[in-house]
Amino acid sequence: MSAIIYRQGDKDFRKNILAVSKRFKGKGGDADSESAINAHKQDIQDGYVWFSSDNSDITNLISRSARNILELTDNGDSVIIKMDKKGFRSCYHAFKVARMK
């Protein structure tokens, strides 16, 4: 399958990203499964960050932040999402606070 790109503003954008979300729901992935956030400083200055995954993190992100999705690239077994920086806190917010005593 070649990549299919859905962009905010395209006809049926919402319908298409919800279909991708449904396809990945409950997909845990195997030992090689991964999710990644790419927050390059230049991209943030340009207004976006990237998220990629091959598991149900896709469904979770779409469910939580669909309005911030600028573009979704569907590669069949994985997805790359371009997110508006307005919906991004920072990479370190991905970790729970556990200060040393």
C-alpha atoms as a PDB file:
ATOM      1  CA  MET A   1       0.000   0.000   0.000  1.00  0.00           C
ATOM      2  CA  SER A   2       1.355   3.392  -0.885  1.00  0.00           C
ATOM      3  CA  ALA A   3       0.880   6.229   1.587  1.00  0.00           C
ATOM      4  CA  ILE A   4      -2.390   8.137   1.654  1.00  0.00           C
ATOM      5  CA  ILE A   5      -2.232  11.697   2.970  1.00  0.00           C
ATOM      6  CA  TYR A   6      -5.250  13.389   4.546  1.00  0.00           C
ATOM      7  CA  ARG A   7      -4.990  17.135   5.160  1.00  0.00           C
ATOM      8  CA  GLN A   8      -7.119  19.361   7.356  1.00  0.00           C
ATOM      9  CA  GLY A   9      -9.561  21.139   5.063  1.00  0.00           C
ATOM     10  CA  ASP A  10      -9.824  18.216   2.629  1.00  0.00           C
ATOM     11  CA  LYS A  11     -13.257  16.809   1.899  1.00  0.00           C
ATOM     12  CA  ASP A  12     -14.037  13.944   4.322  1.00  0.00           C
ATOM     13  CA  PHE A  13     -10.949  14.710   6.471  1.00  0.00           C
ATOM     14  CA  ARG A  14     -12.794  13.934   9.704  1.00  0.00           C
ATOM     15  CA  LYS A  15     -14.354  10.763   8.289  1.00  0.00           C
ATOM     16  CA  ASN A  16     -10.977   9.523   7.040  1.00  0.00           C
ATOM     17  CA  ILE A  17      -9.041  10.128  10.255  1.00  0.00           C
ATOM     18  CA  LEU A  18     -11.821   8.479  12.278  1.00  0.00           C
ATOM     19  CA  ALA A  19     -11.592   5.433   9.992  1.00  0.00           C
ATOM     20  CA  VAL A  20      -7.827   5.273  10.668  1.00  0.00           C
ATOM     21  CA  SER A  21      -8.529   5.625  14.381  1.00  0.00           C
ATOM     22  CA  LYS A  22     -10.988   2.728  14.288  1.00  0.00           C
ATOM     23  CA  ARG A  23      -8.489   0.528  12.419  1.00  0.00           C
ATOM     24  CA  PHE A  24      -5.836   0.956  15.135  1.00  0.00           C
ATOM     25  CA  LYS A  25      -8.176   0.704  18.140  1.00  0.00           C
ATOM     26  CA  GLY A  26      -6.950  -1.971  20.537  1.00  0.00           C
ATOM     27  CA  LYS A  27      -3.838  -2.690  18.467  1.00  0.00           C
ATOM     28  CA  GLY A  28      -1.105  -3.221  21.034  1.00  0.00           C
ATOM     29  CA  GLY A  29       1.644  -4.169  18.638  1.00  0.00           C
ATOM     30  CA  ASP A  30       4.450  -6.655  19.058  1.00  0.00           C
ATOM     31  CA  ALA A  31       7.829  -6.213  20.760  1.00  0.00           C
ATOM     32  CA  ASP A  32       9.022  -3.994  17.884  1.00  0.00           C
ATOM     33  CA  SER A  33       6.013  -1.660  18.045  1.00  0.00           C
ATOM     34  CA  GLU A  34       6.790   1.984  18.735  1.00  0.00           C
ATOM     35  CA  SER A  35       5.426   5.501  19.013  1.00  0.00           C
ATOM     36  CA  ALA A  36       7.515   8.640  18.660  1.00  0.00           C
ATOM     37  CA  ILE A  37       7.204  12.394  18.967  1.00  0.00           C
ATOM     38  CA  ASN A  38       9.504  14.504  16.815  1.00  0.00           C
ATOM     39  CA  ALA A  39       9.617  18.060  18.116  1.00  0.00           C
ATOM     40  CA  HIS A  40      12.327  19.776  16.110  1.00  0.00           C
ATOM     41  CA  LYS A  41      12.796  23.384  17.170  1.00  0.00           C
ATOM     42  CA  GLN A  42      12.427  24.643  13.601  1.00  0.00           C
ATOM     43  CA  ASP A  43       9.197  22.688  13.131  1.00  0.00           C
ATOM     44  CA  ILE A  44       7.808  24.122  16.381  1.00  0.00           C
ATOM     45  CA  GLN A  45       8.711  27.630  15.197  1.00  0.00           C
ATOM     46  CA  ASP A  46       6.932  26.798  11.933  1.00  0.00           C
ATOM     47  CA  GLY A  47       3.860  25.755  13.938  1.00  0.00           C
ATOM     48  CA  TYR A  48       3.827  21.957  14.117  1.00  0.00           C
ATOM     49  CA  VAL A  49       5.261  18.742  15.600  1.00  0.00           C
ATOM     50  CA  TRP A  50       5.225  15.156  14.304  1.00  0.00           C
ATOM     51  CA  PHE A  51       3.850  11.996  15.912  1.00  0.00           C
ATOM     52  CA  SER A  52       4.283   8.519  14.475  1.00  0.00           C
ATOM     53  CA  SER A  53       3.059   5.127  15.630  1.00  0.00           C
ATOM     54  CA  ASP A  54       1.996   1.657  14.615  1.00  0.00           C
ATOM     55  CA  ASN A  55      -0.324   0.892  17.546  1.00  0.00           C
ATOM     56  CA  SER A  56      -3.381   2.135  19.454  1.00  0.00           C
ATOM     57  CA  ASP A  57      -1.579   5.338  20.471  1.00  0.00           C
ATOM     58  CA  ILE A  58      -2.890   6.560  17.109  1.00  0.00           C
ATOM     59  CA  THR A  59      -6.479   6.045  18.264  1.00  0.00           C
ATOM     60  CA  ASN A  60      -5.756   7.716  21.593  1.00  0.00           C
ATOM     61  CA  LEU A  61      -4.186  10.777  19.970  1.00  0.00           C
ATOM     62  CA  ILE A  62      -6.980  11.160  17.423  1.00  0.00           C
ATOM     63  CA  SER A  63      -9.582  10.794  20.195  1.00  0.00           C
ATOM     64  CA  ARG A  64      -7.887  13.408  22.393  1.00  0.00           C
ATOM     65  CA  SER A  65      -6.631  15.928  19.852  1.00  0.00           C
ATOM     66  CA  ALA A  66      -8.389  15.554  16.502  1.00  0.00           C
ATOM     67  CA  ARG A  67      -8.832  19.320  16.080  1.00  0.00           C
ATOM     68  CA  ASN A  68      -5.059  19.781  16.236  1.00  0.00           C
ATOM     69  CA  ILE A  69      -4.304  17.355  13.412  1.00  0.00           C
ATOM     70  CA  LEU A  70      -3.016  19.224  10.375  1.00  0.00           C
ATOM     71  CA  GLU A  71      -2.125  16.183   8.290  1.00  0.00           C
ATOM     72  CA  LEU A  72      -2.243  12.403   8.636  1.00  0.00           C
ATOM     73  CA  THR A  73      -0.156  10.070   6.488  1.00  0.00           C
ATOM     74  CA  ASP A  74      -1.548   6.531   6.443  1.00  0.00           C
ATOM     75  CA  ASN A  75       1.131   4.003   5.518  1.00  0.00           C
ATOM     76  CA  GLY A  76      -1.131   1.012   6.132  1.00  0.00           C
ATOM     77  CA  ASP A  77       0.675  -0.519   9.083  1.00  0.00           C
ATOM     78  CA  SER A  78       1.771   2.807  10.577  1.00  0.00           C
ATOM     79  CA  VAL A  79       0.711   6.441  10.675  1.00  0.00           C
ATOM     80  CA  ILE A  80       2.518   9.787  10.776  1.00  0.00           C
ATOM     81  CA  ILE A  81       0.557  12.740  12.136  1.00  0.00           C
ATOM     82  CA  LYS A  82       1.487  16.401  11.750  1.00  0.00           C
ATOM     83  CA  MET A  83       0.059  18.231  14.765  1.00  0.00           C
ATOM     84  CA  ASP A  84      -0.498  21.939  15.315  1.00  0.00           C
ATOM     85  CA  LYS A  85       1.929  23.146  17.982  1.00  0.00           C
ATOM     86  CA  LYS A  86      -1.036  24.651  19.857  1.00  0.00           C
ATOM     87  CA  GLY A  87      -1.962  21.109  20.895  1.00  0.00           C
ATOM     88  CA  PHE A  88       1.547  20.197  22.029  1.00  0.00           C
ATOM     89  CA  ARG A  89       2.883  20.830  25.510  1.00  0.00           C
ATOM     90  CA  SER A  90       6.448  19.541  25.394  1.00  0.00           C
ATOM     91  CA  CYS A  91       8.314  16.258  25.277  1.00  0.00           C
ATOM     92  CA  TYR A  92       9.068  16.241  28.981  1.00  0.00           C
ATOM     93  CA  HIS A  93       5.346  16.332  29.819  1.00  0.00           C
ATOM     94  CA  ALA A  94       5.248  12.725  28.623  1.00  0.00           C
ATOM     95  CA  PHE A  95       6.905  11.711  31.900  1.00  0.00           C
ATOM     96  CA  LYS A  96       5.413  11.591  35.380  1.00  0.00           C
ATOM     97  CA  VAL A  97       6.901  13.825  38.039  1.00  0.00           C
ATOM     98  CA  ALA A  98       9.218  11.810  40.314  1.00  0.00           C
ATOM     99  CA  ARG A  99      11.576  14.229  42.008  1.00  0.00           C
ATOM    100  CA  MET A 100      14.499  12.984  44.049  1.00  0.00           C
ATOM    101  CA  LYS A 101      14.199  13.450  47.795  1.00  0.00           C
END
